[in-house]
C-alpha cells in the first residue's frame, strides 16, 4: 500500500509561484504514474499534470507553459512547479498515484490548498 504526503500549498498573489511536492511512502513501485489534480469550489476535479509509467508527461491546456511537473529518479516523489499563477488556479490540489503492482488503483493525497489573489 502507498501513502501520499503533500506539501507546498499556500496563498500567493497573481503572477507569483508555488512549488508542490508529493512523497509516496510505504511500498511504492517504480512502474507507476504520478500526477496532480485540482478541484475548485463547485467544480469537478480535473487533471493538472501527470507523469506516466513511461515518463510521458501530460498537462492540462490551462496550465501549459506555466506549470512544470517532475519526478525523482526513484519515482517516489513528484513535484509541481507553478509559475505565473492566476486567480483561476485557486483550488485544492491532490496528488495522485497508480502503479502496476497495485493494479493501477488510484491513490490520493489529502489535498493542499492553493489560493491566488488578484
PDB file of N, CA and C in Angstrom:
ATOM      1  N   UNK A   1       0.834  -1.168   0.000  1.00  0.00           N
ATOM      2  CA  UNK A   1       0.000   0.000   0.000  1.00  0.00           C
ATOM      3  C   UNK A   1       0.887   1.243   0.000  1.00  0.00           C
ATOM      4  N   UNK A   2       0.322   2.352  -0.470  1.00  0.00           N
ATOM      5  CA  UNK A   2       1.064   3.593  -0.611  1.00  0.00           C
ATOM      6  C   UNK A   2       0.310   4.712   0.082  1.00  0.00           C
ATOM      7  N   UNK A   3       1.057   5.547   0.779  1.00  0.00           N
ATOM      8  CA  UNK A   3       0.518   6.764   1.358  1.00  0.00           C
ATOM      9  C   UNK A   3       1.180   7.959   0.676  1.00  0.00           C
ATOM     10  N   UNK A   4       0.423   9.012   0.482  1.00  0.00           N
ATOM     11  CA  UNK A   4       0.913  10.188  -0.213  1.00  0.00           C
ATOM     12  C   UNK A   4       0.910  11.378   0.744  1.00  0.00           C
ATOM     13  N   UNK A   5       2.056  12.033   0.840  1.00  0.00           N
ATOM     14  CA  UNK A   5       2.219  13.179   1.716  1.00  0.00           C
ATOM     15  C   UNK A   5       2.497  14.410   0.864  1.00  0.00           C
ATOM     16  N   UNK A   6       1.607  15.382   0.925  1.00  0.00           N
ATOM     17  CA  UNK A   6       1.693  16.574   0.101  1.00  0.00           C
ATOM     18  C   UNK A   6       2.186  17.758   0.923  1.00  0.00           C
ATOM     19  N   UNK A   7       2.834  18.691   0.240  1.00  0.00           N
ATOM     20  CA  UNK A   7       3.279  19.920   0.871  1.00  0.00           C
ATOM     21  C   UNK A   7       3.425  21.001  -0.185  1.00  0.00           C
ATOM     22  N   UNK A   8       3.458  22.248   0.262  1.00  0.00           N
ATOM     23  CA  UNK A   8       3.780  23.353  -0.618  1.00  0.00           C
ATOM     24  C   UNK A   8       2.650  24.297  -0.973  1.00  0.00           C
ATOM     25  N   UNK A   9       1.440  24.002  -0.545  1.00  0.00           N
ATOM     26  CA  UNK A   9       0.343  24.900  -0.839  1.00  0.00           C
ATOM     27  C   UNK A   9       0.453  26.191  -0.051  1.00  0.00           C
ATOM     28  N   UNK A  10      -0.378  27.149  -0.432  1.00  0.00           N
ATOM     29  CA  UNK A  10      -0.363  28.419   0.270  1.00  0.00           C
ATOM     30  C   UNK A  10      -1.088  29.501  -0.485  1.00  0.00           C
ATOM     31  N   UNK A  11      -0.879  30.724  -0.035  1.00  0.00           N
ATOM     32  CA  UNK A  11      -1.501  31.910  -0.613  1.00  0.00           C
ATOM     33  C   UNK A  11      -0.444  32.743  -1.314  1.00  0.00           C
ATOM     34  N   UNK A  12      -0.694  33.069  -2.573  1.00  0.00           N
ATOM     35  CA  UNK A  12       0.215  33.909  -3.346  1.00  0.00           C
ATOM     36  C   UNK A  12      -0.578  34.912  -4.156  1.00  0.00           C
ATOM     37  N   UNK A  13       0.094  35.967  -4.573  1.00  0.00           N
ATOM     38  CA  UNK A  13      -0.512  36.944  -5.450  1.00  0.00           C
ATOM     39  C   UNK A  13      -0.429  36.480  -6.900  1.00  0.00           C
ATOM     40  N   UNK A  14      -1.340  36.973  -7.718  1.00  0.00           N
ATOM     41  CA  UNK A  14      -1.298  36.661  -9.140  1.00  0.00           C
ATOM     42  C   UNK A  14       0.077  36.984  -9.713  1.00  0.00           C
ATOM     43  N   UNK A  15       0.575  36.083 -10.539  1.00  0.00           N
ATOM     44  CA  UNK A  15       1.900  36.230 -11.105  1.00  0.00           C
ATOM     45  C   UNK A  15       2.994  35.574 -10.292  1.00  0.00           C
ATOM     46  N   UNK A  16       2.671  35.150  -9.094  1.00  0.00           N
ATOM     47  CA  UNK A  16       3.644  34.518  -8.231  1.00  0.00           C
ATOM     48  C   UNK A  16       3.819  33.046  -8.528  1.00  0.00           C
ATOM     49  N   UNK A  17       4.603  32.391  -7.684  1.00  0.00           N
ATOM     50  CA  UNK A  17       4.942  30.989  -7.892  1.00  0.00           C
ATOM     51  C   UNK A  17       4.787  30.187  -6.613  1.00  0.00           C
ATOM     52  N   UNK A  18       4.487  28.928  -6.794  1.00  0.00           N
ATOM     53  CA  UNK A  18       4.469  27.953  -5.718  1.00  0.00           C
ATOM     54  C   UNK A  18       5.021  26.643  -6.248  1.00  0.00           C
ATOM     55  N   UNK A  19       5.546  25.839  -5.344  1.00  0.00           N
ATOM     56  CA  UNK A  19       6.022  24.511  -5.708  1.00  0.00           C
ATOM     57  C   UNK A  19       5.373  23.494  -4.785  1.00  0.00           C
ATOM     58  N   UNK A  20       4.632  22.571  -5.367  1.00  0.00           N
ATOM     59  CA  UNK A  20       4.005  21.498  -4.628  1.00  0.00           C
ATOM     60  C   UNK A  20       4.866  20.243  -4.707  1.00  0.00           C
ATOM     61  N   UNK A  21       4.902  19.491  -3.623  1.00  0.00           N
ATOM     62  CA  UNK A  21       5.624  18.235  -3.608  1.00  0.00           C
ATOM     63  C   UNK A  21       4.740  17.148  -3.027  1.00  0.00           C
ATOM     64  N   UNK A  22       4.953  15.935  -3.485  1.00  0.00           N
ATOM     65  CA  UNK A  22       4.202  14.786  -3.013  1.00  0.00           C
ATOM     66  C   UNK A  22       5.156  13.607  -2.894  1.00  0.00           C
ATOM     67  N   UNK A  23       5.237  13.041  -1.710  1.00  0.00           N
ATOM     68  CA  UNK A  23       6.097  11.897  -1.462  1.00  0.00           C
ATOM     69  C   UNK A  23       5.252  10.644  -1.261  1.00  0.00           C
ATOM     70  N   UNK A  24       5.570   9.607  -1.998  1.00  0.00           N
ATOM     71  CA  UNK A  24       4.906   8.319  -1.855  1.00  0.00           C
ATOM     72  C   UNK A  24       5.682   7.476  -0.869  1.00  0.00           C
ATOM     73  N   UNK A  25       5.030   7.084   0.197  1.00  0.00           N
ATOM     74  CA  UNK A  25       5.659   6.261   1.221  1.00  0.00           C
ATOM     75  C   UNK A  25       4.958   4.918   1.319  1.00  0.00           C
ATOM     76  N   UNK A  26       5.525   4.032   2.109  1.00  0.00           N
ATOM     77  CA  UNK A  26       5.003   2.682   2.213  1.00  0.00           C
ATOM     78  C   UNK A  26       5.776   1.768   1.291  1.00  0.00           C
ATOM     79  N   UNK A  27       5.123   1.297   0.249  1.00  0.00           N
ATOM     80  CA  UNK A  27       5.757   0.384  -0.700  1.00  0.00           C
ATOM     81  C   UNK A  27       5.525   0.825  -2.136  1.00  0.00           C
ATOM     82  N   UNK A  28       6.002   1.994  -2.500  1.00  0.00           N
ATOM     83  CA  UNK A  28       5.824   2.427  -3.897  1.00  0.00           C
ATOM     84  C   UNK A  28       6.612   1.552  -4.854  1.00  0.00           C
ATOM     85  N   UNK A  29       6.125   1.458  -6.070  1.00  0.00           N
ATOM     86  CA  UNK A  29       6.740   0.647  -7.108  1.00  0.00           C
ATOM     87  C   UNK A  29       7.189   1.551  -8.234  1.00  0.00           C
ATOM     88  N   UNK A  30       8.303   1.178  -8.860  1.00  0.00           N
ATOM     89  CA  UNK A  30       8.907   2.066  -9.847  1.00  0.00           C
ATOM     90  C   UNK A  30       8.071   2.191 -11.110  1.00  0.00           C
ATOM     91  N   UNK A  31       7.292   1.187 -11.441  1.00  0.00           N
ATOM     92  CA  UNK A  31       6.426   1.281 -12.614  1.00  0.00           C
ATOM     93  C   UNK A  31       5.129   1.936 -12.154  1.00  0.00           C
ATOM     94  N   UNK A  32       5.130   3.241 -12.148  1.00  0.00           N
ATOM     95  CA  UNK A  32       3.993   3.968 -11.615  1.00  0.00           C
ATOM     96  C   UNK A  32       3.703   5.228 -12.416  1.00  0.00           C
ATOM     97  N   UNK A  33       2.547   5.760 -12.154  1.00  0.00           N
ATOM     98  CA  UNK A  33       2.121   7.039 -12.689  1.00  0.00           C
ATOM     99  C   UNK A  33       1.825   7.964 -11.520  1.00  0.00           C
ATOM    100  N   UNK A  34       2.359   9.164 -11.556  1.00  0.00           N
ATOM    101  CA  UNK A  34       2.109  10.147 -10.516  1.00  0.00           C
ATOM    102  C   UNK A  34       1.696  11.456 -11.158  1.00  0.00           C
ATOM    103  N   UNK A  35       0.815  12.159 -10.483  1.00  0.00           N
ATOM    104  CA  UNK A  35       0.355  13.412 -11.043  1.00  0.00           C
ATOM    105  C   UNK A  35      -0.381  14.258 -10.038  1.00  0.00           C
ATOM    106  N   UNK A  36      -0.862  15.373 -10.531  1.00  0.00           N
ATOM    107  CA  UNK A  36      -1.607  16.325  -9.724  1.00  0.00           C
ATOM    108  C   UNK A  36      -2.947  16.628 -10.367  1.00  0.00           C
ATOM    109  N   UNK A  37      -3.967  16.625  -9.550  1.00  0.00           N
ATOM    110  CA  UNK A  37      -5.301  17.044  -9.932  1.00  0.00           C
ATOM    111  C   UNK A  37      -5.700  18.219  -9.051  1.00  0.00           C
ATOM    112  N   UNK A  38      -6.713  18.954  -9.467  1.00  0.00           N
ATOM    113  CA  UNK A  38      -7.198  20.049  -8.636  1.00  0.00           C
ATOM    114  C   UNK A  38      -8.713  20.133  -8.730  1.00  0.00           C
ATOM    115  N   UNK A  39      -9.296  20.692  -7.688  1.00  0.00           N
ATOM    116  CA  UNK A  39     -10.735  20.869  -7.635  1.00  0.00           C
ATOM    117  C   UNK A  39     -11.043  22.232  -7.036  1.00  0.00           C
ATOM    118  N   UNK A  40     -11.667  23.071  -7.833  1.00  0.00           N
ATOM    119  CA  UNK A  40     -12.101  24.379  -7.384  1.00  0.00           C
ATOM    120  C   UNK A  40     -13.504  24.269  -6.806  1.00  0.00           C
ATOM    121  N   UNK A  41     -13.899  25.207  -5.960  1.00  0.00           N
ATOM    122  CA  UNK A  41     -15.242  25.163  -5.370  1.00  0.00           C
ATOM    123  C   UNK A  41     -16.333  25.080  -6.428  1.00  0.00           C
ATOM    124  N   UNK A  42     -17.226  24.120  -6.272  1.00  0.00           N
ATOM    125  CA  UNK A  42     -18.335  23.962  -7.190  1.00  0.00           C
ATOM    126  C   UNK A  42     -17.992  23.335  -8.521  1.00  0.00           C
ATOM    127  N   UNK A  43     -16.756  22.890  -8.694  1.00  0.00           N
ATOM    128  CA  UNK A  43     -16.334  22.307  -9.955  1.00  0.00           C
ATOM    129  C   UNK A  43     -15.822  20.888  -9.757  1.00  0.00           C
ATOM    130  N   UNK A  44     -15.734  20.153 -10.863  1.00  0.00           N
ATOM    131  CA  UNK A  44     -15.232  18.791 -10.823  1.00  0.00           C
ATOM    132  C   UNK A  44     -13.708  18.777 -10.713  1.00  0.00           C
ATOM    133  N   UNK A  45     -13.201  17.691 -10.159  1.00  0.00           N
ATOM    134  CA  UNK A  45     -11.765  17.518 -10.102  1.00  0.00           C
ATOM    135  C   UNK A  45     -11.220  17.316 -11.509  1.00  0.00           C
ATOM    136  N   UNK A  46     -10.120  17.978 -11.810  1.00  0.00           N
ATOM    137  CA  UNK A  46      -9.543  17.910 -13.138  1.00  0.00           C
ATOM    138  C   UNK A  46      -8.054  17.617 -13.072  1.00  0.00           C
ATOM    139  N   UNK A  47      -7.564  16.967 -14.112  1.00  0.00           N
ATOM    140  CA  UNK A  47      -6.139  16.700 -14.226  1.00  0.00           C
ATOM    141  C   UNK A  47      -5.389  17.998 -14.469  1.00  0.00           C
ATOM    142  N   UNK A  48      -4.306  18.195 -13.731  1.00  0.00           N
ATOM    143  CA  UNK A  48      -3.421  19.331 -13.937  1.00  0.00           C
ATOM    144  C   UNK A  48      -2.187  18.898 -14.720  1.00  0.00           C
ATOM    145  N   UNK A  49      -1.506  17.883 -14.223  1.00  0.00           N
ATOM    146  CA  UNK A  49      -0.305  17.373 -14.870  1.00  0.00           C
ATOM    147  C   UNK A  49      -0.056  15.951 -14.402  1.00  0.00           C
ATOM    148  N   UNK A  50       0.601  15.171 -15.243  1.00  0.00           N
ATOM    149  CA  UNK A  50       0.836  13.762 -14.943  1.00  0.00           C
ATOM    150  C   UNK A  50       2.113  13.284 -15.597  1.00  0.00           C
ATOM    151  N   UNK A  51       2.851  12.436 -14.891  1.00  0.00           N
ATOM    152  CA  UNK A  51       3.986  11.713 -15.465  1.00  0.00           C
ATOM    153  C   UNK A  51       3.622  10.249 -15.481  1.00  0.00           C
ATOM    154  N   UNK A  52       3.588   9.653 -16.659  1.00  0.00           N
ATOM    155  CA  UNK A  52       3.198   8.275 -16.818  1.00  0.00           C
ATOM    156  C   UNK A  52       4.310   7.302 -16.493  1.00  0.00           C
ATOM    157  N   UNK A  53       3.971   6.033 -16.528  1.00  0.00           N
ATOM    158  CA  UNK A  53       4.927   4.987 -16.193  1.00  0.00           C
ATOM    159  C   UNK A  53       6.104   4.936 -17.156  1.00  0.00           C
ATOM    160  N   UNK A  54       5.920   5.437 -18.352  1.00  0.00           N
ATOM    161  CA  UNK A  54       6.999   5.519 -19.333  1.00  0.00           C
ATOM    162  C   UNK A  54       7.615   6.912 -19.388  1.00  0.00           C
ATOM    163  N   UNK A  55       7.375   7.703 -18.362  1.00  0.00           N
ATOM    164  CA  UNK A  55       7.889   9.066 -18.234  1.00  0.00           C
ATOM    165  C   UNK A  55       7.282  10.026 -19.243  1.00  0.00           C
ATOM    166  N   UNK A  56       6.166   9.670 -19.796  1.00  0.00           N
ATOM    167  CA  UNK A  56       5.422  10.581 -20.635  1.00  0.00           C
ATOM    168  C   UNK A  56       4.715  11.601 -19.756  1.00  0.00           C
ATOM    169  N   UNK A  57       4.642  12.831 -20.218  1.00  0.00           N
ATOM    170  CA  UNK A  57       4.098  13.927 -19.433  1.00  0.00           C
ATOM    171  C   UNK A  57       2.893  14.529 -20.136  1.00  0.00           C
ATOM    172  N   UNK A  58       1.857  14.776 -19.363  1.00  0.00           N
ATOM    173  CA  UNK A  58       0.663  15.424 -19.878  1.00  0.00           C
ATOM    174  C   UNK A  58       0.320  16.620 -19.005  1.00  0.00           C
ATOM    175  N   UNK A  59      -0.150  17.690 -19.629  1.00  0.00           N
ATOM    176  CA  UNK A  59      -0.593  18.884 -18.926  1.00  0.00           C
ATOM    177  C   UNK A  59      -1.993  19.262 -19.381  1.00  0.00           C
ATOM    178  N   UNK A  60      -2.750  19.819 -18.463  1.00  0.00           N
ATOM    179  CA  UNK A  60      -3.989  20.457 -18.862  1.00  0.00           C
ATOM    180  C   UNK A  60      -3.669  21.673 -19.721  1.00  0.00           C
ATOM    181  N   UNK A  61      -4.521  21.930 -20.697  1.00  0.00           N
ATOM    182  CA  UNK A  61      -4.283  23.067 -21.579  1.00  0.00           C
ATOM    183  C   UNK A  61      -4.159  24.377 -20.801  1.00  0.00           C
ATOM    184  N   UNK A  62      -4.898  24.501 -19.725  1.00  0.00           N
ATOM    185  CA  UNK A  62      -4.930  25.740 -18.972  1.00  0.00           C
ATOM    186  C   UNK A  62      -3.626  26.052 -18.240  1.00  0.00           C
ATOM    187  N   UNK A  63      -2.754  25.060 -18.086  1.00  0.00           N
ATOM    188  CA  UNK A  63      -1.511  25.276 -17.338  1.00  0.00           C
ATOM    189  C   UNK A  63      -0.270  25.109 -18.190  1.00  0.00           C
ATOM    190  N   UNK A  64      -0.414  24.727 -19.431  1.00  0.00           N
ATOM    191  CA  UNK A  64       0.743  24.548 -20.302  1.00  0.00           C
ATOM    192  C   UNK A  64       1.537  25.845 -20.412  1.00  0.00           C
ATOM    193  N   UNK A  65       2.839  25.721 -20.276  1.00  0.00           N
ATOM    194  CA  UNK A  65       3.710  26.878 -20.336  1.00  0.00           C
ATOM    195  C   UNK A  65       3.902  27.574 -19.018  1.00  0.00           C
ATOM    196  N   UNK A  66       3.093  27.238 -18.020  1.00  0.00           N
ATOM    197  CA  UNK A  66       3.195  27.865 -16.708  1.00  0.00           C
ATOM    198  C   UNK A  66       3.591  26.886 -15.611  1.00  0.00           C
ATOM    199  N   UNK A  67       3.130  25.643 -15.718  1.00  0.00           N
ATOM    200  CA  UNK A  67       3.415  24.628 -14.707  1.00  0.00           C
ATOM    201  C   UNK A  67       4.400  23.610 -15.268  1.00  0.00           C
ATOM    202  N   UNK A  68       5.229  23.063 -14.384  1.00  0.00           N
ATOM    203  CA  UNK A  68       6.183  22.031 -14.764  1.00  0.00           C
ATOM    204  C   UNK A  68       6.136  20.908 -13.744  1.00  0.00           C
ATOM    205  N   UNK A  69       5.899  19.698 -14.214  1.00  0.00           N
ATOM    206  CA  UNK A  69       5.876  18.543 -13.329  1.00  0.00           C
ATOM    207  C   UNK A  69       7.193  17.789 -13.456  1.00  0.00           C
ATOM    208  N   UNK A  70       7.649  17.229 -12.351  1.00  0.00           N
ATOM    209  CA  UNK A  70       8.883  16.464 -12.353  1.00  0.00           C
ATOM    210  C   UNK A  70       8.802  15.354 -11.321  1.00  0.00           C
ATOM    211  N   UNK A  71       9.667  14.349 -11.476  1.00  0.00           N
ATOM    212  CA  UNK A  71       9.685  13.207 -10.573  1.00  0.00           C
ATOM    213  C   UNK A  71      11.128  12.815 -10.304  1.00  0.00           C
ATOM    214  N   UNK A  72      11.408  12.370  -9.089  1.00  0.00           N
ATOM    215  CA  UNK A  72      12.764  11.993  -8.731  1.00  0.00           C
ATOM    216  C   UNK A  72      13.137  10.684  -9.405  1.00  0.00           C
ATOM    217  N   UNK A  73      14.440  10.367  -9.371  1.00  0.00           N
ATOM    218  CA  UNK A  73      14.929   9.172 -10.064  1.00  0.00           C
ATOM    219  C   UNK A  73      14.342   7.882  -9.511  1.00  0.00           C
ATOM    220  N   UNK A  74      14.071   7.861  -8.224  1.00  0.00           N
ATOM    221  CA  UNK A  74      13.469   6.686  -7.620  1.00  0.00           C
ATOM    222  C   UNK A  74      11.980   6.587  -7.844  1.00  0.00           C
ATOM    223  N   UNK A  75      11.400   7.586  -8.448  1.00  0.00           N
ATOM    224  CA  UNK A  75       9.978   7.630  -8.781  1.00  0.00           C
ATOM    225  C   UNK A  75       9.103   7.477  -7.549  1.00  0.00           C
ATOM    226  N   UNK A  76       9.514   8.156  -6.488  1.00  0.00           N
ATOM    227  CA  UNK A  76       8.730   8.164  -5.259  1.00  0.00           C
ATOM    228  C   UNK A  76       8.237   9.548  -4.877  1.00  0.00           C
ATOM    229  N   UNK A  77       8.714  10.562  -5.560  1.00  0.00           N
ATOM    230  CA  UNK A  77       8.333  11.930  -5.269  1.00  0.00           C
ATOM    231  C   UNK A  77       8.012  12.664  -6.559  1.00  0.00           C
ATOM    232  N   UNK A  78       6.915  13.384  -6.560  1.00  0.00           N
ATOM    233  CA  UNK A  78       6.542  14.195  -7.707  1.00  0.00           C
ATOM    234  C   UNK A  78       6.374  15.634  -7.241  1.00  0.00           C
ATOM    235  N   UNK A  79       6.830  16.568  -8.057  1.00  0.00           N
ATOM    236  CA  UNK A  79       6.722  17.981  -7.741  1.00  0.00           C
ATOM    237  C   UNK A  79       6.020  18.706  -8.869  1.00  0.00           C
ATOM    238  N   UNK A  80       5.383  19.793  -8.518  1.00  0.00           N
ATOM    239  CA  UNK A  80       4.720  20.645  -9.496  1.00  0.00           C
ATOM    240  C   UNK A  80       5.160  22.078  -9.255  1.00  0.00           C
ATOM    241  N   UNK A  81       5.966  22.590 -10.166  1.00  0.00           N
ATOM    242  CA  UNK A  81       6.379  23.982 -10.118  1.00  0.00           C
ATOM    243  C   UNK A  81       5.334  24.812 -10.839  1.00  0.00           C
ATOM    244  N   UNK A  82       4.728  25.739 -10.120  1.00  0.00           N
ATOM    245  CA  UNK A  82       3.655  26.557 -10.660  1.00  0.00           C
ATOM    246  C   UNK A  82       4.127  28.006 -10.734  1.00  0.00           C
ATOM    247  N   UNK A  83       4.256  28.506 -11.939  1.00  0.00           N
ATOM    248  CA  UNK A  83       4.681  29.876 -12.174  1.00  0.00           C
ATOM    249  C   UNK A  83       3.558  30.659 -12.834  1.00  0.00           C
ATOM    250  N   UNK A  84       3.676  31.976 -12.781  1.00  0.00           N
ATOM    251  CA  UNK A  84       2.678  32.857 -13.390  1.00  0.00           C
ATOM    252  C   UNK A  84       1.266  32.479 -12.971  1.00  0.00           C
ATOM    253  N   UNK A  85       1.096  32.293 -11.688  1.00  0.00           N
ATOM    254  CA  UNK A  85      -0.186  31.836 -11.171  1.00  0.00           C
ATOM    255  C   UNK A  85      -1.288  32.865 -11.411  1.00  0.00           C
ATOM    256  N   UNK A  86      -2.464  32.352 -11.668  1.00  0.00           N
ATOM    257  CA  UNK A  86      -3.644  33.162 -11.922  1.00  0.00           C
ATOM    258  C   UNK A  86      -4.702  32.867 -10.869  1.00  0.00           C
ATOM    259  N   UNK A  87      -5.609  33.802 -10.621  1.00  0.00           N
ATOM    260  CA  UNK A  87      -6.683  33.529  -9.666  1.00  0.00           C
ATOM    261  C   UNK A  87      -7.470  32.268  -9.994  1.00  0.00           C
ATOM    262  N   UNK A  88      -7.635  31.951 -11.266  1.00  0.00           N
ATOM    263  CA  UNK A  88      -8.365  30.761 -11.648  1.00  0.00           C
ATOM    264  C   UNK A  88      -7.627  29.465 -11.331  1.00  0.00           C
ATOM    265  N   UNK A  89      -6.372  29.564 -10.899  1.00  0.00           N
ATOM    266  CA  UNK A  89      -5.648  28.390 -10.429  1.00  0.00           C
ATOM    267  C   UNK A  89      -6.017  28.029  -8.999  1.00  0.00           C
ATOM    268  N   UNK A  90      -6.775  28.885  -8.340  1.00  0.00           N
ATOM    269  CA  UNK A  90      -7.182  28.628  -6.967  1.00  0.00           C
ATOM    270  C   UNK A  90      -7.995  27.343  -6.885  1.00  0.00           C
ATOM    271  N   UNK A  91      -7.548  26.422  -6.049  1.00  0.00           N
ATOM    272  CA  UNK A  91      -8.197  25.124  -5.917  1.00  0.00           C
ATOM    273  C   UNK A  91      -7.487  24.327  -4.839  1.00  0.00           C
ATOM    274  N   UNK A  92      -8.087  23.213  -4.482  1.00  0.00           N
ATOM    275  CA  UNK A  92      -7.399  22.214  -3.688  1.00  0.00           C
ATOM    276  C   UNK A  92      -6.690  21.283  -4.660  1.00  0.00           C
ATOM    277  N   UNK A  93      -5.409  21.101  -4.460  1.00  0.00           N
ATOM    278  CA  UNK A  93      -4.599  20.272  -5.341  1.00  0.00           C
ATOM    279  C   UNK A  93      -4.349  18.920  -4.677  1.00  0.00           C
ATOM    280  N   UNK A  94      -4.576  17.859  -5.442  1.00  0.00           N
ATOM    281  CA  UNK A  94      -4.459  16.500  -4.932  1.00  0.00           C
ATOM    282  C   UNK A  94      -3.385  15.733  -5.686  1.00  0.00           C
ATOM    283  N   UNK A  95      -2.507  15.089  -4.951  1.00  0.00           N
ATOM    284  CA  UNK A  95      -1.535  14.183  -5.545  1.00  0.00           C
ATOM    285  C   UNK A  95      -2.213  12.857  -5.868  1.00  0.00           C
ATOM    286  N   UNK A  96      -1.849  12.284  -7.004  1.00  0.00           N
ATOM    287  CA  UNK A  96      -2.411  11.012  -7.446  1.00  0.00           C
ATOM    288  C   UNK A  96      -1.290  10.026  -7.745  1.00  0.00           C
ATOM    289  N   UNK A  97      -1.523   8.780  -7.399  1.00  0.00           N
ATOM    290  CA  UNK A  97      -0.533   7.721  -7.612  1.00  0.00           C
ATOM    291  C   UNK A  97      -1.219   6.455  -8.085  1.00  0.00           C
ATOM    292  N   UNK A  98      -0.625   5.793  -9.079  1.00  0.00           N
ATOM    293  CA  UNK A  98      -1.062   4.481  -9.549  1.00  0.00           C
ATOM    294  C   UNK A  98       0.170   3.676  -9.909  1.00  0.00           C
ATOM    295  N   UNK A  99       0.133   2.345  -9.669  1.00  0.00           N
ATOM    296  CA  UNK A  99       1.234   1.522 -10.140  1.00  0.00           C
ATOM    297  C   UNK A  99       0.743   0.145 -10.570  1.00  0.00           C
ATOM    298  N   UNK A 100       1.601  -0.548 -11.298  1.00  0.00           N
ATOM    299  CA  UNK A 100       1.227  -1.821 -11.877  1.00  0.00           C
ATOM    300  C   UNK A 100       1.023  -2.889 -10.809  1.00  0.00           C
ATOM    301  N   UNK A 101       1.813  -2.821  -9.739  1.00  0.00           N
ATOM    302  CA  UNK A 101       1.682  -3.806  -8.671  1.00  0.00           C
ATOM    303  C   UNK A 101       0.328  -3.719  -7.992  1.00  0.00           C
ATOM    304  N   UNK A 102      -0.182  -2.532  -7.859  1.00  0.00           N
ATOM    305  CA  UNK A 102      -1.466  -2.299  -7.217  1.00  0.00           C
ATOM    306  C   UNK A 102      -2.627  -2.325  -8.203  1.00  0.00           C
ATOM    307  N   UNK A 103      -2.376  -2.810  -9.410  1.00  0.00           N
ATOM    308  CA  UNK A 103      -3.439  -2.925 -10.394  1.00  0.00           C
ATOM    309  C   UNK A 103      -3.947  -1.603 -10.911  1.00  0.00           C
ATOM    310  N   UNK A 104      -3.103  -0.577 -10.848  1.00  0.00           N
ATOM    311  CA  UNK A 104      -3.438   0.764 -11.337  1.00  0.00           C
ATOM    312  C   UNK A 104      -4.601   1.395 -10.579  1.00  0.00           C
ATOM    313  N   UNK A 105      -4.792   0.985  -9.347  1.00  0.00           N
ATOM    314  CA  UNK A 105      -5.788   1.615  -8.491  1.00  0.00           C
ATOM    315  C   UNK A 105      -5.336   3.014  -8.095  1.00  0.00           C
ATOM    316  N   UNK A 106      -6.261   3.955  -8.092  1.00  0.00           N
ATOM    317  CA  UNK A 106      -5.945   5.338  -7.732  1.00  0.00           C
ATOM    318  C   UNK A 106      -5.716   5.485  -6.235  1.00  0.00           C
ATOM    319  N   UNK A 107      -4.616   6.155  -5.892  1.00  0.00           N
ATOM    320  CA  UNK A 107      -4.353   6.583  -4.534  1.00  0.00           C
ATOM    321  C   UNK A 107      -4.250   8.093  -4.529  1.00  0.00           C
ATOM    322  N   UNK A 108      -4.806   8.722  -3.492  1.00  0.00           N
ATOM    323  CA  UNK A 108      -4.905  10.168  -3.436  1.00  0.00           C
ATOM    324  C   UNK A 108      -4.304  10.727  -2.165  1.00  0.00           C
ATOM    325  N   UNK A 109      -3.649  11.879  -2.297  1.00  0.00           N
ATOM    326  CA  UNK A 109      -3.258  12.632  -1.130  1.00  0.00           C
ATOM    327  C   UNK A 109      -4.459  13.323  -0.521  1.00  0.00           C
ATOM    328  N   UNK A 110      -4.266  13.933   0.633  1.00  0.00           N
ATOM    329  CA  UNK A 110      -5.369  14.575   1.326  1.00  0.00           C
ATOM    330  C   UNK A 110      -5.770  15.905   0.702  1.00  0.00           C
ATOM    331  N   UNK A 111      -4.925  16.471  -0.121  1.00  0.00           N
ATOM    332  CA  UNK A 111      -5.200  17.740  -0.762  1.00  0.00           C
ATOM    333  C   UNK A 111      -4.508  18.891  -0.065  1.00  0.00           C
ATOM    334  N   UNK A 112      -4.009  19.824  -0.844  1.00  0.00           N
ATOM    335  CA  UNK A 112      -3.382  21.017  -0.308  1.00  0.00           C
ATOM    336  C   UNK A 112      -3.959  22.242  -1.013  1.00  0.00           C
ATOM    337  N   UNK A 113      -4.304  23.255  -0.241  1.00  0.00           N
ATOM    338  CA  UNK A 113      -4.978  24.434  -0.775  1.00  0.00           C
ATOM    339  C   UNK A 113      -3.986  25.376  -1.444  1.00  0.00           C
ATOM    340  N   UNK A 114      -4.329  25.793  -2.644  1.00  0.00           N
ATOM    341  CA  UNK A 114      -3.599  26.840  -3.351  1.00  0.00           C
ATOM    342  C   UNK A 114      -4.567  27.981  -3.606  1.00  0.00           C
ATOM    343  N   UNK A 115      -4.235  29.156  -3.113  1.00  0.00           N
ATOM    344  CA  UNK A 115      -5.076  30.326  -3.301  1.00  0.00           C
ATOM    345  C   UNK A 115      -4.260  31.427  -3.959  1.00  0.00           C
ATOM    346  N   UNK A 116      -4.772  31.956  -5.054  1.00  0.00           N
ATOM    347  CA  UNK A 116      -4.098  33.008  -5.805  1.00  0.00           C
ATOM    348  C   UNK A 116      -4.977  34.246  -5.778  1.00  0.00           C
ATOM    349  N   UNK A 117      -4.470  35.314  -5.210  1.00  0.00           N
ATOM    350  CA  UNK A 117      -5.214  36.560  -5.113  1.00  0.00           C
ATOM    351  C   UNK A 117      -4.859  37.481  -6.265  1.00  0.00           C
ATOM    352  N   UNK A 118      -5.812  38.302  -6.675  1.00  0.00           N
ATOM    353  CA  UNK A 118      -5.605  39.232  -7.771  1.00  0.00           C
ATOM    354  C   UNK A 118      -5.226  40.608  -7.265  1.00  0.00           C
TER     355      UNK A 118
END
